[in-house]
Protein backbone atom coordinates (compact mmCIF):
# COMPACT_ATOMS: atom_id res chain seq x y z
CA MET A 1 93.48 83.55 105.77
CA LYS A 2 96.65 83.61 107.62
CA LYS A 3 98.99 87.39 107.47
CA ILE A 4 101.75 85.34 105.68
CA HIS A 5 99.66 83.70 103.28
CA ILE A 6 98.02 87.70 102.03
CA ALA A 7 101.56 88.67 102.05
CA ARG A 8 102.60 85.91 99.92
CA ALA A 9 99.61 86.46 97.54
CA PHE A 10 100.46 90.42 96.81
CA ARG A 11 103.98 89.30 96.30
CA ASP A 12 103.75 86.14 94.57
CA GLN A 13 101.14 86.47 91.16
CA ASP A 14 101.08 81.94 90.34
CA TYR A 15 100.92 81.70 94.29
CA TYR A 16 97.70 84.44 93.71
CA LEU A 17 96.29 83.21 90.41
CA GLY A 18 96.63 79.57 92.15
CA LEU A 19 93.95 80.45 94.77
CA SER A 20 90.16 80.17 94.60
CA GLU A 21 87.79 83.34 93.74
CA ALA A 22 86.23 82.96 96.46
CA GLU A 23 90.21 83.62 98.34
CA ARG A 24 90.74 86.30 96.14
CA ALA A 25 87.36 87.67 97.11
CA SER A 26 88.53 87.60 100.72
CA LEU A 27 91.88 89.69 100.35
CA PRO A 28 91.86 92.93 101.44
CA ASP A 29 93.00 95.58 99.25
CA HIS A 30 96.58 95.92 98.15
CA PRO A 31 98.65 98.12 100.63
CA SER A 32 99.98 100.23 97.16
CA ALA A 33 96.82 99.91 95.49
CA ALA A 34 96.29 102.52 92.73
CA VAL A 35 95.80 105.96 94.12
CA ALA A 36 93.74 108.81 92.22
CA LEU A 37 96.47 111.98 92.05
CA GLU A 38 94.59 115.61 90.60
CA PRO A 39 96.55 116.45 87.56
CA ARG A 40 98.83 119.17 89.20
CA ASP A 41 100.08 116.28 91.52
CA LEU A 42 101.01 114.29 88.76
CA ARG A 43 102.77 117.52 86.74
CA ALA A 44 104.43 118.11 90.12
CA ALA A 45 105.48 114.61 90.32
CA ALA A 46 106.64 113.97 86.66
CA GLY A 47 108.53 117.04 86.54
CA GLY A 48 108.59 119.39 89.42
CA ILE A 49 106.47 122.05 87.61
CA THR A 50 105.09 124.28 89.66
CA THR A 51 103.21 126.80 87.10
CA VAL A 52 101.18 126.06 84.76
CA GLU A 53 99.98 127.60 81.61
CA THR A 54 97.66 126.19 78.83
CA CYS A 55 97.81 126.21 75.41
CA GLY A 56 94.26 126.14 73.53
CA THR A 57 92.73 122.74 75.99
CA ILE A 58 96.25 121.14 76.86
CA ALA A 59 98.01 122.20 80.31
CA CYS A 60 101.61 122.49 79.42
CA THR A 61 104.28 124.32 81.02
CA PRO A 62 105.74 127.24 78.13
CA CYS A 63 108.66 126.01 76.45
CA LYS A 64 111.06 126.79 73.36
CA GLY A 65 109.26 126.00 69.81
CA HIS A 66 105.99 125.16 71.50
CA PRO A 67 102.60 127.03 70.65
CA CYS A 68 102.48 128.02 73.98
CA GLY A 69 106.09 129.37 74.77
């Protein structure tokens, strides 16, 4: 499959759905495919949290009115 068709398949859902199963299977992974992140990385991205305390089994940041704060 030509690069132009691969790029179109990534951008255009109707085009992608119009491809045969074999054509879809031949596509490379999408360049912005899902990435697995560690929980600490997700917390940092969500709000820049740098310290984490645990409250039971749930990781949380200390806050007013919360059992761990």
